[in-house]
Amino acid sequence: MLSRIVYNPLKVKIATGQLSYGGGISLDAGICVGVYFVPTKDPEADFDINIEVKTSQGDIILNGTDYRDYTHKQGGYFNGMKPVGFPSKPTRFEVSVTAEQALTKDFAGQLIFVVEREKEDE
């Protein structure tokens, strides 16, 4: 039996002196119910580092907002993540992470998409 909830992580990194990261991810089929960012290297920036998600056709799924909007909040595991509700098939998603100015420290982490899988026919 497969779990109804699956986690699709995307590693994100912007090196010192750089402004942006771009990458793609294919999610499990279902509904993406939440997204959260786990920083592994935090530049402690006093400016925005925006995360935006689009379909491979360029349609915006999640408007660009600062990565701190994606960090896990208190209130329980699912309640603490950024709530979303978009279908996760049959397309690839493009993720861009853009800093307002060049970084003085590396920025890295995992952007984790939480997908509730479609029910399988029994």
PDB file of N, CA and C in Angstrom:
ATOM      1  N   MET A   1       0.838  -1.177   0.000  1.00  0.00           N
ATOM      2  CA  MET A   1       0.000   0.000   0.000  1.00  0.00           C
ATOM      3  C   MET A   1       0.887   1.245   0.000  1.00  0.00           C
ATOM      4  N   LEU A   2       0.600   2.148  -0.901  1.00  0.00           N
ATOM      5  CA  LEU A   2       1.365   3.380  -1.004  1.00  0.00           C
ATOM      6  C   LEU A   2       0.829   4.434  -0.052  1.00  0.00           C
ATOM      7  N   SER A   3       1.730   5.244   0.449  1.00  0.00           N
ATOM      8  CA  SER A   3       1.325   6.347   1.307  1.00  0.00           C
ATOM      9  C   SER A   3       0.543   7.362   0.488  1.00  0.00           C
ATOM     10  N   ARG A   4      -0.478   7.944   1.083  1.00  0.00           N
ATOM     11  CA  ARG A   4      -1.270   8.982   0.401  1.00  0.00           C
ATOM     12  C   ARG A   4      -0.502  10.285   0.306  1.00  0.00           C
ATOM     13  N   ILE A   5       0.379  10.543   1.267  1.00  0.00           N
ATOM     14  CA  ILE A   5       1.155  11.779   1.294  1.00  0.00           C
ATOM     15  C   ILE A   5       2.599  11.455   0.916  1.00  0.00           C
ATOM     16  N   VAL A   6       3.135  12.179  -0.069  1.00  0.00           N
ATOM     17  CA  VAL A   6       4.526  11.998  -0.480  1.00  0.00           C
ATOM     18  C   VAL A   6       5.224  13.352  -0.486  1.00  0.00           C
ATOM     19  N   TYR A   7       6.528  13.306  -0.356  1.00  0.00           N
ATOM     20  CA  TYR A   7       7.346  14.511  -0.277  1.00  0.00           C
ATOM     21  C   TYR A   7       8.300  14.534  -1.461  1.00  0.00           C
ATOM     22  N   ASN A   8       8.264  15.605  -2.232  1.00  0.00           N
ATOM     23  CA  ASN A   8       9.128  15.756  -3.390  1.00  0.00           C
ATOM     24  C   ASN A   8      10.086  16.920  -3.125  1.00  0.00           C
ATOM     25  N   PRO A   9      11.349  16.627  -2.752  1.00  0.00           N
ATOM     26  CA  PRO A   9      12.299  17.695  -2.432  1.00  0.00           C
ATOM     27  C   PRO A   9      13.074  18.173  -3.660  1.00  0.00           C
ATOM     28  N   LEU A  10      13.419  19.447  -3.650  1.00  0.00           N
ATOM     29  CA  LEU A  10      14.264  20.049  -4.681  1.00  0.00           C
ATOM     30  C   LEU A  10      15.390  20.788  -3.973  1.00  0.00           C
ATOM     31  N   LYS A  11      16.639  20.412  -4.275  1.00  0.00           N
ATOM     32  CA  LYS A  11      17.783  21.104  -3.685  1.00  0.00           C
ATOM     33  C   LYS A  11      17.968  22.446  -4.381  1.00  0.00           C
ATOM     34  N   VAL A  12      18.164  23.485  -3.569  1.00  0.00           N
ATOM     35  CA  VAL A  12      18.311  24.852  -4.058  1.00  0.00           C
ATOM     36  C   VAL A  12      19.641  25.390  -3.554  1.00  0.00           C
ATOM     37  N   LYS A  13      20.406  26.066  -4.443  1.00  0.00           N
ATOM     38  CA  LYS A  13      21.653  26.678  -3.994  1.00  0.00           C
ATOM     39  C   LYS A  13      21.950  27.910  -4.829  1.00  0.00           C
ATOM     40  N   ILE A  14      22.289  28.996  -4.130  1.00  0.00           N
ATOM     41  CA  ILE A  14      22.810  30.194  -4.772  1.00  0.00           C
ATOM     42  C   ILE A  14      24.166  30.448  -4.122  1.00  0.00           C
ATOM     43  N   ALA A  15      25.214  30.459  -4.933  1.00  0.00           N
ATOM     44  CA  ALA A  15      26.568  30.643  -4.413  1.00  0.00           C
ATOM     45  C   ALA A  15      26.832  32.106  -4.066  1.00  0.00           C
ATOM     46  N   THR A  16      27.791  32.308  -3.202  1.00  0.00           N
ATOM     47  CA  THR A  16      28.233  33.652  -2.835  1.00  0.00           C
ATOM     48  C   THR A  16      28.522  34.458  -4.099  1.00  0.00           C
ATOM     49  N   GLY A  17      28.031  35.688  -4.139  1.00  0.00           N
ATOM     50  CA  GLY A  17      28.249  36.570  -5.279  1.00  0.00           C
ATOM     51  C   GLY A  17      27.217  36.435  -6.383  1.00  0.00           C
ATOM     52  N   GLN A  18      26.378  35.417  -6.300  1.00  0.00           N
ATOM     53  CA  GLN A  18      25.375  35.173  -7.336  1.00  0.00           C
ATOM     54  C   GLN A  18      24.017  35.737  -6.924  1.00  0.00           C
ATOM     55  N   LEU A  19      23.089  35.761  -7.900  1.00  0.00           N
ATOM     56  CA  LEU A  19      21.755  36.318  -7.670  1.00  0.00           C
ATOM     57  C   LEU A  19      20.626  35.302  -7.753  1.00  0.00           C
ATOM     58  N   SER A  20      20.848  34.168  -8.452  1.00  0.00           N
ATOM     59  CA  SER A  20      19.676  33.326  -8.705  1.00  0.00           C
ATOM     60  C   SER A  20      20.010  31.853  -8.870  1.00  0.00           C
ATOM     61  N   TYR A  21      18.937  31.069  -8.774  1.00  0.00           N
ATOM     62  CA  TYR A  21      18.945  29.626  -9.009  1.00  0.00           C
ATOM     63  C   TYR A  21      17.723  29.320  -9.853  1.00  0.00           C
ATOM     64  N   GLY A  22      17.845  28.368 -10.762  1.00  0.00           N
ATOM     65  CA  GLY A  22      16.695  27.892 -11.522  1.00  0.00           C
ATOM     66  C   GLY A  22      16.782  26.389 -11.669  1.00  0.00           C
ATOM     67  N   GLY A  23      15.670  25.707 -11.477  1.00  0.00           N
ATOM     68  CA  GLY A  23      15.650  24.261 -11.603  1.00  0.00           C
ATOM     69  C   GLY A  23      14.242  23.765 -11.810  1.00  0.00           C
ATOM     70  N   GLY A  24      14.124  22.505 -12.186  1.00  0.00           N
ATOM     71  CA  GLY A  24      12.814  21.928 -12.436  1.00  0.00           C
ATOM     72  C   GLY A  24      12.573  20.704 -11.588  1.00  0.00           C
ATOM     73  N   ILE A  25      11.294  20.370 -11.430  1.00  0.00           N
ATOM     74  CA  ILE A  25      10.912  19.200 -10.646  1.00  0.00           C
ATOM     75  C   ILE A  25       9.604  18.637 -11.198  1.00  0.00           C
ATOM     76  N   SER A  26       9.526  17.317 -11.248  1.00  0.00           N
ATOM     77  CA  SER A  26       8.276  16.628 -11.574  1.00  0.00           C
ATOM     78  C   SER A  26       7.732  16.055 -10.269  1.00  0.00           C
ATOM     79  N   LEU A  27       6.483  16.350  -9.986  1.00  0.00           N
ATOM     80  CA  LEU A  27       5.872  15.910  -8.735  1.00  0.00           C
ATOM     81  C   LEU A  27       5.043  14.654  -8.953  1.00  0.00           C
ATOM     82  N   ASP A  28       4.820  13.913  -7.877  1.00  0.00           N
ATOM     83  CA  ASP A  28       3.895  12.785  -7.940  1.00  0.00           C
ATOM     84  C   ASP A  28       2.513  13.303  -8.324  1.00  0.00           C
ATOM     85  N   ALA A  29       1.729  12.466  -8.995  1.00  0.00           N
ATOM     86  CA  ALA A  29       0.379  12.857  -9.409  1.00  0.00           C
ATOM     87  C   ALA A  29      -0.527  12.997  -8.196  1.00  0.00           C
ATOM     88  N   GLY A  30      -1.292  14.072  -8.176  1.00  0.00           N
ATOM     89  CA  GLY A  30      -2.220  14.330  -7.082  1.00  0.00           C
ATOM     90  C   GLY A  30      -2.449  15.814  -6.919  1.00  0.00           C
ATOM     91  N   ILE A  31      -2.579  16.246  -5.672  1.00  0.00           N
ATOM     92  CA  ILE A  31      -2.748  17.663  -5.340  1.00  0.00           C
ATOM     93  C   ILE A  31      -1.601  18.062  -4.419  1.00  0.00           C
ATOM     94  N   CYS A  32      -0.874  19.100  -4.803  1.00  0.00           N
ATOM     95  CA  CYS A  32       0.166  19.635  -3.922  1.00  0.00           C
ATOM     96  C   CYS A  32      -0.542  20.446  -2.843  1.00  0.00           C
ATOM     97  N   VAL A  33      -0.450  19.982  -1.600  1.00  0.00           N
ATOM     98  CA  VAL A  33      -1.194  20.600  -0.498  1.00  0.00           C
ATOM     99  C   VAL A  33      -0.341  21.547   0.339  1.00  0.00           C
ATOM    100  N   GLY A  34       0.974  21.465   0.196  1.00  0.00           N
ATOM    101  CA  GLY A  34       1.838  22.336   0.977  1.00  0.00           C
ATOM    102  C   GLY A  34       3.242  22.378   0.415  1.00  0.00           C
ATOM    103  N   VAL A  35       3.936  23.466   0.731  1.00  0.00           N
ATOM    104  CA  VAL A  35       5.326  23.639   0.324  1.00  0.00           C
ATOM    105  C   VAL A  35       6.059  24.265   1.505  1.00  0.00           C
ATOM    106  N   TYR A  36       7.265  23.790   1.762  1.00  0.00           N
ATOM    107  CA  TYR A  36       8.068  24.459   2.780  1.00  0.00           C
ATOM    108  C   TYR A  36       9.540  24.379   2.419  1.00  0.00           C
ATOM    109  N   PHE A  37      10.315  25.322   2.963  1.00  0.00           N
ATOM    110  CA  PHE A  37      11.740  25.426   2.675  1.00  0.00           C
ATOM    111  C   PHE A  37      12.527  25.142   3.942  1.00  0.00           C
ATOM    112  N   VAL A  38      13.512  24.249   3.823  1.00  0.00           N
ATOM    113  CA  VAL A  38      14.396  23.923   4.935  1.00  0.00           C
ATOM    114  C   VAL A  38      15.783  24.455   4.578  1.00  0.00           C
ATOM    115  N   PRO A  39      16.186  25.581   5.173  1.00  0.00           N
ATOM    116  CA  PRO A  39      17.503  26.126   4.842  1.00  0.00           C
ATOM    117  C   PRO A  39      18.626  25.297   5.460  1.00  0.00           C
ATOM    118  N   THR A  40      19.677  25.052   4.661  1.00  0.00           N
ATOM    119  CA  THR A  40      20.872  24.398   5.188  1.00  0.00           C
ATOM    120  C   THR A  40      22.021  25.392   5.281  1.00  0.00           C
ATOM    121  N   LYS A  41      21.955  26.437   4.463  1.00  0.00           N
ATOM    122  CA  LYS A  41      22.893  27.565   4.551  1.00  0.00           C
ATOM    123  C   LYS A  41      22.058  28.818   4.386  1.00  0.00           C
ATOM    124  N   ASP A  42      21.934  29.575   5.453  1.00  0.00           N
ATOM    125  CA  ASP A  42      21.101  30.773   5.456  1.00  0.00           C
ATOM    126  C   ASP A  42      22.003  32.000   5.441  1.00  0.00           C
ATOM    127  N   PRO A  43      21.853  32.868   4.442  1.00  0.00           N
ATOM    128  CA  PRO A  43      22.731  34.035   4.358  1.00  0.00           C
ATOM    129  C   PRO A  43      22.386  35.136   5.353  1.00  0.00           C
ATOM    130  N   GLU A  44      21.328  34.930   6.134  1.00  0.00           N
ATOM    131  CA  GLU A  44      20.878  35.951   7.079  1.00  0.00           C
ATOM    132  C   GLU A  44      20.700  37.283   6.362  1.00  0.00           C
ATOM    133  N   ALA A  45      20.101  37.224   5.207  1.00  0.00           N
ATOM    134  CA  ALA A  45      19.929  38.395   4.352  1.00  0.00           C
ATOM    135  C   ALA A  45      18.909  39.365   4.931  1.00  0.00           C
ATOM    136  N   ASP A  46      19.196  40.639   4.773  1.00  0.00           N
ATOM    137  CA  ASP A  46      18.229  41.655   5.177  1.00  0.00           C
ATOM    138  C   ASP A  46      17.511  42.202   3.944  1.00  0.00           C
ATOM    139  N   PHE A  47      17.441  41.354   2.911  1.00  0.00           N
ATOM    140  CA  PHE A  47      16.716  41.671   1.684  1.00  0.00           C
ATOM    141  C   PHE A  47      15.998  40.405   1.228  1.00  0.00           C
ATOM    142  N   ASP A  48      15.066  40.573   0.302  1.00  0.00           N
ATOM    143  CA  ASP A  48      14.263  39.434  -0.153  1.00  0.00           C
ATOM    144  C   ASP A  48      15.061  38.472  -1.026  1.00  0.00           C
ATOM    145  N   ILE A  49      14.806  37.190  -0.817  1.00  0.00           N
ATOM    146  CA  ILE A  49      15.251  36.125  -1.711  1.00  0.00           C
ATOM    147  C   ILE A  49      13.963  35.398  -2.081  1.00  0.00           C
ATOM    148  N   ASN A  50      13.449  35.693  -3.264  1.00  0.00           N
ATOM    149  CA  ASN A  50      12.115  35.242  -3.662  1.00  0.00           C
ATOM    150  C   ASN A  50      12.118  33.876  -4.324  1.00  0.00           C
ATOM    151  N   ILE A  51      11.107  33.087  -3.986  1.00  0.00           N
ATOM    152  CA  ILE A  51      10.866  31.786  -4.606  1.00  0.00           C
ATOM    153  C   ILE A  51       9.601  31.903  -5.439  1.00  0.00           C
ATOM    154  N   GLU A  52       9.679  31.454  -6.706  1.00  0.00           N
ATOM    155  CA  GLU A  52       8.525  31.468  -7.605  1.00  0.00           C
ATOM    156  C   GLU A  52       8.433  30.106  -8.284  1.00  0.00           C
ATOM    157  N   VAL A  53       7.212  29.625  -8.485  1.00  0.00           N
ATOM    158  CA  VAL A  53       6.987  28.334  -9.141  1.00  0.00           C
ATOM    159  C   VAL A  53       6.063  28.551 -10.327  1.00  0.00           C
ATOM    160  N   LYS A  54       6.480  28.003 -11.495  1.00  0.00           N
ATOM    161  CA  LYS A  54       5.690  28.096 -12.726  1.00  0.00           C
ATOM    162  C   LYS A  54       5.569  26.707 -13.347  1.00  0.00           C
ATOM    163  N   THR A  55       4.579  26.561 -14.230  1.00  0.00           N
ATOM    164  CA  THR A  55       4.522  25.350 -15.043  1.00  0.00           C
ATOM    165  C   THR A  55       5.612  25.458 -16.101  1.00  0.00           C
ATOM    166  N   SER A  56       5.910  24.360 -16.763  1.00  0.00           N
ATOM    167  CA  SER A  56       6.917  24.396 -17.825  1.00  0.00           C
ATOM    168  C   SER A  56       6.459  25.258 -18.999  1.00  0.00           C
ATOM    169  N   GLN A  57       5.161  25.584 -19.061  1.00  0.00           N
ATOM    170  CA  GLN A  57       4.638  26.471 -20.098  1.00  0.00           C
ATOM    171  C   GLN A  57       4.715  27.941 -19.681  1.00  0.00           C
ATOM    172  N   GLY A  58       5.171  28.212 -18.462  1.00  0.00           N
ATOM    173  CA  GLY A  58       5.338  29.582 -17.995  1.00  0.00           C
ATOM    174  C   GLY A  58       4.183  30.143 -17.189  1.00  0.00           C
ATOM    175  N   ASP A  59       3.154  29.342 -16.924  1.00  0.00           N
ATOM    176  CA  ASP A  59       2.032  29.810 -16.105  1.00  0.00           C
ATOM    177  C   ASP A  59       2.456  29.836 -14.636  1.00  0.00           C
ATOM    178  N   ILE A  60       2.192  30.958 -13.968  1.00  0.00           N
ATOM    179  CA  ILE A  60       2.586  31.094 -12.568  1.00  0.00           C
ATOM    180  C   ILE A  60       1.671  30.256 -11.672  1.00  0.00           C
ATOM    181  N   ILE A  61       2.288  29.407 -10.869  1.00  0.00           N
ATOM    182  CA  ILE A  61       1.572  28.592  -9.884  1.00  0.00           C
ATOM    183  C   ILE A  61       1.647  29.261  -8.512  1.00  0.00           C
ATOM    184  N   LEU A  62       2.850  29.685  -8.119  1.00  0.00           N
ATOM    185  CA  LEU A  62       3.061  30.396  -6.856  1.00  0.00           C
ATOM    186  C   LEU A  62       3.853  31.660  -7.154  1.00  0.00           C
ATOM    187  N   ASN A  63       3.244  32.814  -6.897  1.00  0.00           N
ATOM    188  CA  ASN A  63       3.923  34.089  -7.118  1.00  0.00           C
ATOM    189  C   ASN A  63       5.177  34.174  -6.263  1.00  0.00           C
ATOM    190  N   GLY A  64       6.138  34.934  -6.738  1.00  0.00           N
ATOM    191  CA  GLY A  64       7.384  35.107  -6.008  1.00  0.00           C
ATOM    192  C   GLY A  64       7.180  35.772  -4.658  1.00  0.00           C
ATOM    193  N   THR A  65       7.571  35.081  -3.600  1.00  0.00           N
ATOM    194  CA  THR A  65       7.571  35.642  -2.248  1.00  0.00           C
ATOM    195  C   THR A  65       8.869  35.226  -1.567  1.00  0.00           C
ATOM    196  N   ASP A  66       9.246  35.952  -0.536  1.00  0.00           N
ATOM    197  CA  ASP A  66      10.495  35.706   0.172  1.00  0.00           C
ATOM    198  C   ASP A  66      10.526  34.289   0.752  1.00  0.00           C
ATOM    199  N   TYR A  67      11.711  33.690   0.747  1.00  0.00           N
ATOM    200  CA  TYR A  67      11.850  32.309   1.226  1.00  0.00           C
ATOM    201  C   TYR A  67      11.359  32.133   2.662  1.00  0.00           C
ATOM    202  N   ARG A  68      11.389  33.195   3.457  1.00  0.00           N
ATOM    203  CA  ARG A  68      10.923  33.085   4.845  1.00  0.00           C
ATOM    204  C   ARG A  68       9.419  32.801   4.911  1.00  0.00           C
ATOM    205  N   ASP A  69       8.710  33.128   3.825  1.00  0.00           N
ATOM    206  CA  ASP A  69       7.289  32.782   3.728  1.00  0.00           C
ATOM    207  C   ASP A  69       7.111  31.267   3.612  1.00  0.00           C
ATOM    208  N   TYR A  70       8.158  30.568   3.167  1.00  0.00           N
ATOM    209  CA  TYR A  70       8.105  29.121   2.971  1.00  0.00           C
ATOM    210  C   TYR A  70       8.702  28.339   4.139  1.00  0.00           C
ATOM    211  N   THR A  71       9.290  29.021   5.124  1.00  0.00           N
ATOM    212  CA  THR A  71       9.849  28.282   6.253  1.00  0.00           C
ATOM    213  C   THR A  71       8.711  27.779   7.136  1.00  0.00           C
ATOM    214  N   HIS A  72       8.952  26.655   7.774  1.00  0.00           N
ATOM    215  CA  HIS A  72       7.917  25.995   8.568  1.00  0.00           C
ATOM    216  C   HIS A  72       7.551  26.849   9.774  1.00  0.00           C
ATOM    217  N   LYS A  73       6.258  27.026   9.977  1.00  0.00           N
ATOM    218  CA  LYS A  73       5.742  27.796  11.112  1.00  0.00           C
ATOM    219  C   LYS A  73       5.293  26.826  12.199  1.00  0.00           C
ATOM    220  N   GLN A  74       4.947  27.335  13.347  1.00  0.00           N
ATOM    221  CA  GLN A  74       4.429  26.484  14.412  1.00  0.00           C
ATOM    222  C   GLN A  74       2.967  26.151  14.131  1.00  0.00           C
ATOM    223  N   GLY A  75       2.443  25.182  14.846  1.00  0.00           N
ATOM    224  CA  GLY A  75       1.033  24.851  14.710  1.00  0.00           C
ATOM    225  C   GLY A  75       0.794  23.460  14.176  1.00  0.00           C
ATOM    226  N   GLY A  76       1.774  22.588  14.298  1.00  0.00           N
ATOM    227  CA  GLY A  76       1.629  21.239  13.781  1.00  0.00           C
ATOM    228  C   GLY A  76       2.321  21.109  12.437  1.00  0.00           C
ATOM    229  N   TYR A  77       2.652  19.879  12.082  1.00  0.00           N
ATOM    230  CA  TYR A  77       3.451  19.649  10.879  1.00  0.00           C
ATOM    231  C   TYR A  77       2.781  20.197   9.626  1.00  0.00           C
ATOM    232  N   PHE A  78       1.556  19.768   9.337  1.00  0.00           N
ATOM    233  CA  PHE A  78       0.892  20.216   8.113  1.00  0.00           C
ATOM    234  C   PHE A  78       0.439  21.666   8.207  1.00  0.00           C
ATOM    235  N   ASN A  79      -0.016  22.089   9.377  1.00  0.00           N
ATOM    236  CA  ASN A  79      -0.464  23.470   9.539  1.00  0.00           C
ATOM    237  C   ASN A  79       0.684  24.464   9.491  1.00  0.00           C
ATOM    238  N   GLY A  80       1.915  24.002   9.700  1.00  0.00           N
ATOM    239  CA  GLY A  80       3.062  24.896   9.726  1.00  0.00           C
ATOM    240  C   GLY A  80       3.682  25.185   8.379  1.00  0.00           C
ATOM    241  N   MET A  81       3.267  24.463   7.338  1.00  0.00           N
ATOM    242  CA  MET A  81       3.844  24.709   6.011  1.00  0.00           C
ATOM    243  C   MET A  81       2.978  25.694   5.232  1.00  0.00           C
ATOM    244  N   LYS A  82       3.527  26.213   4.134  1.00  0.00           N
ATOM    245  CA  LYS A  82       2.768  27.132   3.287  1.00  0.00           C
ATOM    246  C   LYS A  82       1.666  26.326   2.602  1.00  0.00           C
ATOM    247  N   PRO A  83       0.400  26.641   2.883  1.00  0.00           N
ATOM    248  CA  PRO A  83      -0.683  25.873   2.268  1.00  0.00           C
ATOM    249  C   PRO A  83      -0.875  26.278   0.809  1.00  0.00           C
ATOM    250  N   VAL A  84      -0.992  25.285  -0.039  1.00  0.00           N
ATOM    251  CA  VAL A  84      -1.283  25.501  -1.459  1.00  0.00           C
ATOM    252  C   VAL A  84      -2.325  24.461  -1.856  1.00  0.00           C
ATOM    253  N   GLY A  85      -2.703  24.413  -3.090  1.00  0.00           N
ATOM    254  CA  GLY A  85      -3.703  23.434  -3.522  1.00  0.00           C
ATOM    255  C   GLY A  85      -3.776  23.371  -5.030  1.00  0.00           C
ATOM    256  N   PHE A  86      -2.670  22.995  -5.663  1.00  0.00           N
ATOM    257  CA  PHE A  86      -2.673  22.925  -7.124  1.00  0.00           C
ATOM    258  C   PHE A  86      -2.438  21.493  -7.594  1.00  0.00           C
ATOM    259  N   PRO A  87      -3.035  21.138  -8.750  1.00  0.00           N
ATOM    260  CA  PRO A  87      -2.830  19.791  -9.285  1.00  0.00           C
ATOM    261  C   PRO A  87      -1.367  19.608  -9.688  1.00  0.00           C
ATOM    262  N   SER A  88      -0.840  18.439  -9.395  1.00  0.00           N
ATOM    263  CA  SER A  88       0.582  18.208  -9.648  1.00  0.00           C
ATOM    264  C   SER A  88       0.846  17.274 -10.822  1.00  0.00           C
ATOM    265  N   LYS A  89      -0.092  17.168 -11.729  1.00  0.00           N
ATOM    266  CA  LYS A  89       0.173  16.396 -12.946  1.00  0.00           C
ATOM    267  C   LYS A  89      -0.544  17.049 -14.101  1.00  0.00           C
ATOM    268  N   PRO A  90      -0.195  16.810 -15.293  1.00  0.00           N
ATOM    269  CA  PRO A  90       0.900  15.978 -15.795  1.00  0.00           C
ATOM    270  C   PRO A  90       2.068  16.831 -16.276  1.00  0.00           C
ATOM    271  N   THR A  91       2.508  17.749 -15.488  1.00  0.00           N
ATOM    272  CA  THR A  91       3.497  18.702 -15.975  1.00  0.00           C
ATOM    273  C   THR A  91       4.720  18.776 -15.082  1.00  0.00           C
ATOM    274  N   ARG A  92       5.735  19.362 -15.614  1.00  0.00           N
ATOM    275  CA  ARG A  92       6.957  19.656 -14.866  1.00  0.00           C
ATOM    276  C   ARG A  92       6.844  21.097 -14.372  1.00  0.00           C
ATOM    277  N   PHE A  93       7.399  21.351 -13.212  1.00  0.00           N
ATOM    278  CA  PHE A  93       7.355  22.687 -12.634  1.00  0.00           C
ATOM    279  C   PHE A  93       8.753  23.288 -12.617  1.00  0.00           C
ATOM    280  N   GLU A  94       8.821  24.573 -12.906  1.00  0.00           N
ATOM    281  CA  GLU A  94      10.084  25.300 -12.899  1.00  0.00           C
ATOM    282  C   GLU A  94      10.118  26.192 -11.665  1.00  0.00           C
ATOM    283  N   VAL A  95      11.210  26.119 -10.940  1.00  0.00           N
ATOM    284  CA  VAL A  95      11.372  26.891  -9.708  1.00  0.00           C
ATOM    285  C   VAL A  95      12.502  27.891  -9.914  1.00  0.00           C
ATOM    286  N   SER A  96      12.230  29.147  -9.590  1.00  0.00           N
ATOM    287  CA  SER A  96      13.300  30.147  -9.620  1.00  0.00           C
ATOM    288  C   SER A  96      13.407  30.783  -8.240  1.00  0.00           C
ATOM    289  N   VAL A  97      14.641  30.968  -7.817  1.00  0.00           N
ATOM    290  CA  VAL A  97      14.940  31.615  -6.543  1.00  0.00           C
ATOM    291  C   VAL A  97      15.855  32.783  -6.884  1.00  0.00           C
ATOM    292  N   THR A  98      15.419  33.994  -6.559  1.00  0.00           N
ATOM    293  CA  THR A  98      16.136  35.190  -6.983  1.00  0.00           C
ATOM    294  C   THR A  98      16.351  36.137  -5.809  1.00  0.00           C
ATOM    295  N   ALA A  99      17.605  36.536  -5.613  1.00  0.00           N
ATOM    296  CA  ALA A  99      17.953  37.491  -4.558  1.00  0.00           C
ATOM    297  C   ALA A  99      17.903  38.909  -5.120  1.00  0.00           C
ATOM    298  N   GLU A 100      17.517  39.860  -4.280  1.00  0.00           N
ATOM    299  CA  GLU A 100      17.464  41.260  -4.698  1.00  0.00           C
ATOM    300  C   GLU A 100      18.851  41.833  -4.956  1.00  0.00           C
ATOM    301  N   GLN A 101      19.863  41.252  -4.339  1.00  0.00           N
ATOM    302  CA  GLN A 101      21.240  41.692  -4.554  1.00  0.00           C
ATOM    303  C   GLN A 101      22.160  40.493  -4.389  1.00  0.00           C
ATOM    304  N   ALA A 102      23.390  40.629  -4.888  1.00  0.00           N
ATOM    305  CA  ALA A 102      24.349  39.529  -4.820  1.00  0.00           C
ATOM    306  C   ALA A 102      24.565  39.102  -3.370  1.00  0.00           C
ATOM    307  N   LEU A 103      24.647  37.798  -3.175  1.00  0.00           N
ATOM    308  CA  LEU A 103      24.790  37.248  -1.825  1.00  0.00           C
ATOM    309  C   LEU A 103      26.224  37.351  -1.318  1.00  0.00           C
ATOM    310  N   THR A 104      26.370  37.615  -0.043  1.00  0.00           N
ATOM    311  CA  THR A 104      27.695  37.648   0.581  1.00  0.00           C
ATOM    312  C   THR A 104      28.018  36.319   1.262  1.00  0.00           C
ATOM    313  N   LYS A 105      27.020  35.420   1.337  1.00  0.00           N
ATOM    314  CA  LYS A 105      27.186  34.061   1.861  1.00  0.00           C
ATOM    315  C   LYS A 105      26.370  33.128   0.979  1.00  0.00           C
ATOM    316  N   ASP A 106      26.768  31.853   0.930  1.00  0.00           N
ATOM    317  CA  ASP A 106      25.979  30.862   0.199  1.00  0.00           C
ATOM    318  C   ASP A 106      24.576  30.759   0.790  1.00  0.00           C
ATOM    319  N   PHE A 107      23.625  30.466  -0.080  1.00  0.00           N
ATOM    320  CA  PHE A 107      22.239  30.209   0.316  1.00  0.00           C
ATOM    321  C   PHE A 107      21.895  28.829  -0.223  1.00  0.00           C
ATOM    322  N   ALA A 108      21.435  27.928   0.631  1.00  0.00           N
ATOM    323  CA  ALA A 108      21.117  26.575   0.184  1.00  0.00           C
ATOM    324  C   ALA A 108      20.046  25.968   1.073  1.00  0.00           C
ATOM    325  N   GLY A 109      19.371  24.971   0.527  1.00  0.00           N
ATOM    326  CA  GLY A 109      18.363  24.252   1.288  1.00  0.00           C
ATOM    327  C   GLY A 109      17.531  23.360   0.391  1.00  0.00           C
ATOM    328  N   GLN A 110      16.458  22.841   0.950  1.00  0.00           N
ATOM    329  CA  GLN A 110      15.519  22.013   0.196  1.00  0.00           C
ATOM    330  C   GLN A 110      14.155  22.676   0.199  1.00  0.00           C
ATOM    331  N   LEU A 111      13.587  22.791  -0.991  1.00  0.00           N
ATOM    332  CA  LEU A 111      12.203  23.217  -1.140  1.00  0.00           C
ATOM    333  C   LEU A 111      11.402  21.926  -1.264  1.00  0.00           C
ATOM    334  N   ILE A 112      10.509  21.686  -0.318  1.00  0.00           N
ATOM    335  CA  ILE A 112       9.804  20.404  -0.255  1.00  0.00           C
ATOM    336  C   ILE A 112       8.339  20.604  -0.615  1.00  0.00           C
ATOM    337  N   PHE A 113       7.907  19.887  -1.648  1.00  0.00           N
ATOM    338  CA  PHE A 113       6.520  19.906  -2.100  1.00  0.00           C
ATOM    339  C   PHE A 113       5.822  18.696  -1.486  1.00  0.00           C
ATOM    340  N   VAL A 114       4.721  18.926  -0.792  1.00  0.00           N
ATOM    341  CA  VAL A 114       3.966  17.854  -0.138  1.00  0.00           C
ATOM    342  C   VAL A 114       2.738  17.567  -0.998  1.00  0.00           C
ATOM    343  N   VAL A 115       2.668  16.342  -1.509  1.00  0.00           N
ATOM    344  CA  VAL A 115       1.614  15.965  -2.453  1.00  0.00           C
ATOM    345  C   VAL A 115       0.719  14.892  -1.848  1.00  0.00           C
ATOM    346  N   GLU A 116      -0.584  15.133  -1.926  1.00  0.00           N
ATOM    347  CA  GLU A 116      -1.557  14.104  -1.575  1.00  0.00           C
ATOM    348  C   GLU A 116      -1.876  13.369  -2.866  1.00  0.00           C
ATOM    349  N   ARG A 117      -1.484  12.106  -2.925  1.00  0.00           N
ATOM    350  CA  ARG A 117      -1.660  11.323  -4.152  1.00  0.00           C
ATOM    351  C   ARG A 117      -3.125  11.087  -4.467  1.00  0.00           C
ATOM    352  N   GLU A 118      -3.370  10.864  -5.757  1.00  0.00           N
ATOM    353  CA  GLU A 118      -4.716  10.492  -6.192  1.00  0.00           C
ATOM    354  C   GLU A 118      -5.036   9.117  -5.640  1.00  0.00           C
ATOM    355  N   LYS A 119      -6.312   8.886  -5.335  1.00  0.00           N
ATOM    356  CA  LYS A 119      -6.730   7.564  -4.869  1.00  0.00           C
ATOM    357  C   LYS A 119      -6.617   6.579  -6.021  1.00  0.00           C
ATOM    358  N   GLU A 120      -6.091   5.416  -5.696  1.00  0.00           N
ATOM    359  CA  GLU A 120      -6.023   4.358  -6.693  1.00  0.00           C
ATOM    360  C   GLU A 120      -7.318   3.572  -6.656  1.00  0.00           C
ATOM    361  N   ASP A 121      -7.727   3.081  -7.815  1.00  0.00           N
ATOM    362  CA  ASP A 121      -8.927   2.238  -7.863  1.00  0.00           C
ATOM    363  C   ASP A 121      -8.661   0.952  -7.095  1.00  0.00           C
ATOM    364  N   GLU A 122      -9.613   0.574  -6.286  1.00  0.00           N
ATOM    365  CA  GLU A 122      -9.445  -0.635  -5.469  1.00  0.00           C
ATOM    366  C   GLU A 122     -10.077  -1.827  -6.124  1.00  0.00           C
TER     367      GLU A 122
END
